[in-house]
């Protein structure tokens, strides 16, 4: 999983989480920090990369 844009721009960025972020995969196979995609989904209901309707396929720990 690549770093989200905010994490790339600011290495100290915590995505508003006090705990390590889990990874969330959509049915489209794109993956994001759970904290980041949750914040995104408050305003849009699509994947930020492919614009397909977002449905969680899996949420788990980042193994990287």
PDB file of N, CA and C in Angstrom:
ATOM      1  N   UNK A   1       0.850  -1.169   0.000  1.00  0.00           N
ATOM      2  CA  UNK A   1       0.000   0.000   0.000  1.00  0.00           C
ATOM      3  C   UNK A   1       0.893   1.228   0.000  1.00  0.00           C
ATOM      4  N   UNK A   2       0.626   2.158  -0.902  1.00  0.00           N
ATOM      5  CA  UNK A   2       1.352   3.416  -0.923  1.00  0.00           C
ATOM      6  C   UNK A   2       0.855   4.312   0.189  1.00  0.00           C
ATOM      7  N   UNK A   3       1.703   5.240   0.604  1.00  0.00           N
ATOM      8  CA  UNK A   3       1.281   6.222   1.594  1.00  0.00           C
ATOM      9  C   UNK A   3       0.211   7.123   1.004  1.00  0.00           C
ATOM     10  N   UNK A   4      -0.720   7.567   1.842  1.00  0.00           N
ATOM     11  CA  UNK A   4      -1.722   8.516   1.374  1.00  0.00           C
ATOM     12  C   UNK A   4      -1.033   9.847   1.072  1.00  0.00           C
ATOM     13  N   UNK A   5      -1.695  10.717   0.358  1.00  0.00           N
ATOM     14  CA  UNK A   5      -1.108  11.993  -0.049  1.00  0.00           C
ATOM     15  C   UNK A   5      -0.678  12.810   1.159  1.00  0.00           C
ATOM     16  N   UNK A   6      -1.512  12.866   2.202  1.00  0.00           N
ATOM     17  CA  UNK A   6      -1.164  13.644   3.389  1.00  0.00           C
ATOM     18  C   UNK A   6       0.079  13.086   4.067  1.00  0.00           C
ATOM     19  N   UNK A   7       0.228  11.793   4.134  1.00  0.00           N
ATOM     20  CA  UNK A   7       1.401  11.182   4.757  1.00  0.00           C
ATOM     21  C   UNK A   7       2.654  11.427   3.920  1.00  0.00           C
ATOM     22  N   UNK A   8       2.521  11.484   2.598  1.00  0.00           N
ATOM     23  CA  UNK A   8       3.667  11.780   1.743  1.00  0.00           C
ATOM     24  C   UNK A   8       4.128  13.214   1.935  1.00  0.00           C
ATOM     25  N   UNK A   9       3.182  14.137   2.055  1.00  0.00           N
ATOM     26  CA  UNK A   9       3.504  15.554   2.182  1.00  0.00           C
ATOM     27  C   UNK A   9       4.023  15.905   3.568  1.00  0.00           C
ATOM     28  N   UNK A  10       3.570  15.188   4.596  1.00  0.00           N
ATOM     29  CA  UNK A  10       3.939  15.490   5.970  1.00  0.00           C
ATOM     30  C   UNK A  10       4.238  14.184   6.699  1.00  0.00           C
ATOM     31  N   UNK A  11       5.512  13.811   6.803  1.00  0.00           N
ATOM     32  CA  UNK A  11       5.853  12.532   7.438  1.00  0.00           C
ATOM     33  C   UNK A  11       5.374  12.413   8.885  1.00  0.00           C
ATOM     34  N   UNK A  12       5.105  13.527   9.545  1.00  0.00           N
ATOM     35  CA  UNK A  12       4.609  13.498  10.922  1.00  0.00           C
ATOM     36  C   UNK A  12       3.098  13.376  10.981  1.00  0.00           C
ATOM     37  N   UNK A  13       2.433  13.315   9.828  1.00  0.00           N
ATOM     38  CA  UNK A  13       0.967  13.241   9.747  1.00  0.00           C
ATOM     39  C   UNK A  13       0.465  11.960  10.393  1.00  0.00           C
ATOM     40  N   UNK A  14      -0.575  12.078  11.235  1.00  0.00           N
ATOM     41  CA  UNK A  14      -1.113  10.898  11.917  1.00  0.00           C
ATOM     42  C   UNK A  14      -2.518  10.569  11.469  1.00  0.00           C
ATOM     43  N   UNK A  15      -3.061  11.271  10.517  1.00  0.00           N
ATOM     44  CA  UNK A  15      -4.404  11.014   9.990  1.00  0.00           C
ATOM     45  C   UNK A  15      -5.491  11.171  11.036  1.00  0.00           C
ATOM     46  N   UNK A  16      -5.187  11.828  12.146  1.00  0.00           N
ATOM     47  CA  UNK A  16      -6.191  12.001  13.184  1.00  0.00           C
ATOM     48  C   UNK A  16      -6.388  10.773  14.039  1.00  0.00           C
ATOM     49  N   UNK A  17      -5.508   9.803  13.933  1.00  0.00           N
ATOM     50  CA  UNK A  17      -5.623   8.572  14.719  1.00  0.00           C
ATOM     51  C   UNK A  17      -4.621   8.593  15.861  1.00  0.00           C
ATOM     52  N   UNK A  18      -5.044   8.087  17.005  1.00  0.00           N
ATOM     53  CA  UNK A  18      -4.149   7.957  18.141  1.00  0.00           C
ATOM     54  C   UNK A  18      -3.484   6.586  18.167  1.00  0.00           C
ATOM     55  N   UNK A  19      -3.950   5.672  17.347  1.00  0.00           N
ATOM     56  CA  UNK A  19      -3.406   4.322  17.278  1.00  0.00           C
ATOM     57  C   UNK A  19      -2.920   4.074  15.856  1.00  0.00           C
ATOM     58  N   UNK A  20      -2.070   3.066  15.667  1.00  0.00           N
ATOM     59  CA  UNK A  20      -1.628   2.770  14.294  1.00  0.00           C
ATOM     60  C   UNK A  20      -2.830   2.513  13.379  1.00  0.00           C
ATOM     61  N   UNK A  21      -2.754   3.062  12.189  1.00  0.00           N
ATOM     62  CA  UNK A  21      -3.872   2.928  11.253  1.00  0.00           C
ATOM     63  C   UNK A  21      -3.941   1.530  10.660  1.00  0.00           C
ATOM     64  N   UNK A  22      -5.128   1.015  10.580  1.00  0.00           N
ATOM     65  CA  UNK A  22      -5.387  -0.212   9.838  1.00  0.00           C
ATOM     66  C   UNK A  22      -5.513   0.143   8.368  1.00  0.00           C
ATOM     67  N   UNK A  23      -5.463  -0.867   7.538  1.00  0.00           N
ATOM     68  CA  UNK A  23      -5.628  -0.681   6.100  1.00  0.00           C
ATOM     69  C   UNK A  23      -7.036  -1.097   5.725  1.00  0.00           C
ATOM     70  N   UNK A  24      -7.665  -0.315   4.860  1.00  0.00           N
ATOM     71  CA  UNK A  24      -9.006  -0.638   4.364  1.00  0.00           C
ATOM     72  C   UNK A  24      -8.917  -0.839   2.856  1.00  0.00           C
ATOM     73  N   UNK A  25      -9.407  -1.993   2.393  1.00  0.00           N
ATOM     74  CA  UNK A  25      -9.458  -2.289   0.966  1.00  0.00           C
ATOM     75  C   UNK A  25     -10.890  -2.145   0.495  1.00  0.00           C
ATOM     76  N   UNK A  26     -11.064  -1.552  -0.677  1.00  0.00           N
ATOM     77  CA  UNK A  26     -12.383  -1.471  -1.278  1.00  0.00           C
ATOM     78  C   UNK A  26     -12.609  -2.642  -2.212  1.00  0.00           C
ATOM     79  N   UNK A  27     -13.844  -2.822  -2.649  1.00  0.00           N
ATOM     80  CA  UNK A  27     -14.136  -3.867  -3.635  1.00  0.00           C
ATOM     81  C   UNK A  27     -13.392  -3.624  -4.940  1.00  0.00           C
ATOM     82  N   UNK A  28     -12.942  -2.398  -5.148  1.00  0.00           N
ATOM     83  CA  UNK A  28     -12.178  -2.047  -6.348  1.00  0.00           C
ATOM     84  C   UNK A  28     -10.700  -2.430  -6.211  1.00  0.00           C
ATOM     85  N   UNK A  29     -10.308  -2.967  -5.054  1.00  0.00           N
ATOM     86  CA  UNK A  29      -8.939  -3.411  -4.747  1.00  0.00           C
ATOM     87  C   UNK A  29      -7.983  -2.289  -4.381  1.00  0.00           C
ATOM     88  N   UNK A  30      -8.441  -1.054  -4.290  1.00  0.00           N
ATOM     89  CA  UNK A  30      -7.585   0.019  -3.811  1.00  0.00           C
ATOM     90  C   UNK A  30      -7.559  -0.016  -2.290  1.00  0.00           C
ATOM     91  N   UNK A  31      -6.410   0.361  -1.708  1.00  0.00           N
ATOM     92  CA  UNK A  31      -6.232   0.310  -0.261  1.00  0.00           C
ATOM     93  C   UNK A  31      -5.811   1.673   0.268  1.00  0.00           C
ATOM     94  N   UNK A  32      -6.320   2.011   1.435  1.00  0.00           N
ATOM     95  CA  UNK A  32      -6.034   3.289   2.079  1.00  0.00           C
ATOM     96  C   UNK A  32      -5.935   3.084   3.579  1.00  0.00           C
ATOM     97  N   UNK A  33      -5.306   4.039   4.262  1.00  0.00           N
ATOM     98  CA  UNK A  33      -5.399   4.047   5.720  1.00  0.00           C
ATOM     99  C   UNK A  33      -6.880   4.126   6.071  1.00  0.00           C
ATOM    100  N   UNK A  34      -7.320   3.331   7.037  1.00  0.00           N
ATOM    101  CA  UNK A  34      -8.724   3.349   7.444  1.00  0.00           C
ATOM    102  C   UNK A  34      -9.134   4.756   7.882  1.00  0.00           C
ATOM    103  N   UNK A  35      -8.271   5.437   8.627  1.00  0.00           N
ATOM    104  CA  UNK A  35      -8.582   6.799   9.087  1.00  0.00           C
ATOM    105  C   UNK A  35      -8.799   7.751   7.912  1.00  0.00           C
ATOM    106  N   UNK A  36      -7.964   7.626   6.897  1.00  0.00           N
ATOM    107  CA  UNK A  36      -8.061   8.525   5.737  1.00  0.00           C
ATOM    108  C   UNK A  36      -9.323   8.256   4.920  1.00  0.00           C
ATOM    109  N   UNK A  37      -9.594   6.993   4.620  1.00  0.00           N
ATOM    110  CA  UNK A  37     -10.772   6.693   3.794  1.00  0.00           C
ATOM    111  C   UNK A  37     -12.053   6.988   4.560  1.00  0.00           C
ATOM    112  N   UNK A  38     -12.044   6.798   5.871  1.00  0.00           N
ATOM    113  CA  UNK A  38     -13.238   7.113   6.666  1.00  0.00           C
ATOM    114  C   UNK A  38     -13.559   8.595   6.595  1.00  0.00           C
ATOM    115  N   UNK A  39     -12.527   9.414   6.673  1.00  0.00           N
ATOM    116  CA  UNK A  39     -12.733  10.866   6.576  1.00  0.00           C
ATOM    117  C   UNK A  39     -13.228  11.236   5.176  1.00  0.00           C
ATOM    118  N   UNK A  40     -12.658  10.624   4.143  1.00  0.00           N
ATOM    119  CA  UNK A  40     -13.070  10.865   2.754  1.00  0.00           C
ATOM    120  C   UNK A  40     -14.535  10.498   2.552  1.00  0.00           C
ATOM    121  N   UNK A  41     -14.945   9.362   3.107  1.00  0.00           N
ATOM    122  CA  UNK A  41     -16.307   8.863   2.896  1.00  0.00           C
ATOM    123  C   UNK A  41     -17.373   9.709   3.583  1.00  0.00           C
ATOM    124  N   UNK A  42     -16.965  10.628   4.441  1.00  0.00           N
ATOM    125  CA  UNK A  42     -17.938  11.547   5.053  1.00  0.00           C
ATOM    126  C   UNK A  42     -18.480  12.531   4.023  1.00  0.00           C
ATOM    127  N   UNK A  43     -17.730  12.765   2.947  1.00  0.00           N
ATOM    128  CA  UNK A  43     -18.167  13.727   1.931  1.00  0.00           C
ATOM    129  C   UNK A  43     -18.429  13.094   0.568  1.00  0.00           C
ATOM    130  N   UNK A  44     -17.806  11.947   0.298  1.00  0.00           N
ATOM    131  CA  UNK A  44     -17.984  11.265  -0.989  1.00  0.00           C
ATOM    132  C   UNK A  44     -18.187   9.792  -0.724  1.00  0.00           C
ATOM    133  N   UNK A  45     -18.872   9.096  -1.591  1.00  0.00           N
ATOM    134  CA  UNK A  45     -19.111   7.661  -1.383  1.00  0.00           C
ATOM    135  C   UNK A  45     -18.436   6.811  -2.455  1.00  0.00           C
ATOM    136  N   UNK A  46     -17.350   7.338  -3.010  1.00  0.00           N
ATOM    137  CA  UNK A  46     -16.633   6.645  -4.079  1.00  0.00           C
ATOM    138  C   UNK A  46     -15.152   6.518  -3.729  1.00  0.00           C
ATOM    139  N   UNK A  47     -14.472   5.615  -4.405  1.00  0.00           N
ATOM    140  CA  UNK A  47     -13.033   5.456  -4.241  1.00  0.00           C
ATOM    141  C   UNK A  47     -12.329   6.719  -4.742  1.00  0.00           C
ATOM    142  N   UNK A  48     -11.359   7.245  -3.987  1.00  0.00           N
ATOM    143  CA  UNK A  48     -10.645   8.447  -4.432  1.00  0.00           C
ATOM    144  C   UNK A  48      -9.826   8.239  -5.705  1.00  0.00           C
ATOM    145  N   UNK A  49      -9.479   7.003  -6.033  1.00  0.00           N
ATOM    146  CA  UNK A  49      -8.654   6.752  -7.213  1.00  0.00           C
ATOM    147  C   UNK A  49      -9.434   6.422  -8.474  1.00  0.00           C
ATOM    148  N   UNK A  50     -10.446   5.572  -8.351  1.00  0.00           N
ATOM    149  CA  UNK A  50     -11.136   5.115  -9.563  1.00  0.00           C
ATOM    150  C   UNK A  50     -12.581   5.606  -9.664  1.00  0.00           C
ATOM    151  N   UNK A  51     -13.055   6.264  -8.630  1.00  0.00           N
ATOM    152  CA  UNK A  51     -14.403   6.854  -8.627  1.00  0.00           C
ATOM    153  C   UNK A  51     -15.531   5.821  -8.653  1.00  0.00           C
ATOM    154  N   UNK A  52     -15.225   4.549  -8.369  1.00  0.00           N
ATOM    155  CA  UNK A  52     -16.282   3.539  -8.260  1.00  0.00           C
ATOM    156  C   UNK A  52     -16.918   3.655  -6.881  1.00  0.00           C
ATOM    157  N   UNK A  53     -18.186   3.267  -6.773  1.00  0.00           N
ATOM    158  CA  UNK A  53     -18.848   3.278  -5.470  1.00  0.00           C
ATOM    159  C   UNK A  53     -18.000   2.505  -4.471  1.00  0.00           C
ATOM    160  N   UNK A  54     -17.795   3.103  -3.282  1.00  0.00           N
ATOM    161  CA  UNK A  54     -16.946   2.465  -2.277  1.00  0.00           C
ATOM    162  C   UNK A  54     -17.739   1.484  -1.435  1.00  0.00           C
ATOM    163  N   UNK A  55     -17.237   0.271  -1.354  1.00  0.00           N
ATOM    164  CA  UNK A  55     -17.718  -0.748  -0.430  1.00  0.00           C
ATOM    165  C   UNK A  55     -16.480  -1.364   0.201  1.00  0.00           C
ATOM    166  N   UNK A  56     -16.468  -1.487   1.527  1.00  0.00           N
ATOM    167  CA  UNK A  56     -15.337  -2.116   2.196  1.00  0.00           C
ATOM    168  C   UNK A  56     -15.296  -3.598   1.842  1.00  0.00           C
ATOM    169  N   UNK A  57     -14.152  -4.052   1.354  1.00  0.00           N
ATOM    170  CA  UNK A  57     -13.951  -5.473   1.086  1.00  0.00           C
ATOM    171  C   UNK A  57     -13.265  -6.126   2.276  1.00  0.00           C
ATOM    172  N   UNK A  58     -12.352  -5.365   2.913  1.00  0.00           N
ATOM    173  CA  UNK A  58     -11.566  -5.913   4.011  1.00  0.00           C
ATOM    174  C   UNK A  58     -10.939  -4.767   4.782  1.00  0.00           C
ATOM    175  N   UNK A  59     -10.809  -4.933   6.083  1.00  0.00           N
ATOM    176  CA  UNK A  59     -10.073  -3.996   6.929  1.00  0.00           C
ATOM    177  C   UNK A  59      -9.133  -4.835   7.772  1.00  0.00           C
ATOM    178  N   UNK A  60      -7.857  -4.468   7.785  1.00  0.00           N
ATOM    179  CA  UNK A  60      -6.893  -5.244   8.556  1.00  0.00           C
ATOM    180  C   UNK A  60      -5.660  -4.436   8.875  1.00  0.00           C
ATOM    181  N   UNK A  61      -4.727  -5.080   9.541  1.00  0.00           N
ATOM    182  CA  UNK A  61      -3.487  -4.413   9.932  1.00  0.00           C
ATOM    183  C   UNK A  61      -2.572  -4.271   8.733  1.00  0.00           C
ATOM    184  N   UNK A  62      -1.810  -3.181   8.746  1.00  0.00           N
ATOM    185  CA  UNK A  62      -0.829  -2.946   7.699  1.00  0.00           C
ATOM    186  C   UNK A  62       0.362  -3.846   7.969  1.00  0.00           C
ATOM    187  N   UNK A  63       0.689  -4.696   7.035  1.00  0.00           N
ATOM    188  CA  UNK A  63       1.793  -5.634   7.225  1.00  0.00           C
ATOM    189  C   UNK A  63       3.132  -5.070   6.776  1.00  0.00           C
ATOM    190  N   UNK A  64       3.119  -3.834   6.257  1.00  0.00           N
ATOM    191  CA  UNK A  64       4.373  -3.245   5.764  1.00  0.00           C
ATOM    192  C   UNK A  64       5.184  -2.647   6.882  1.00  0.00           C
TER     193      UNK A  64
END
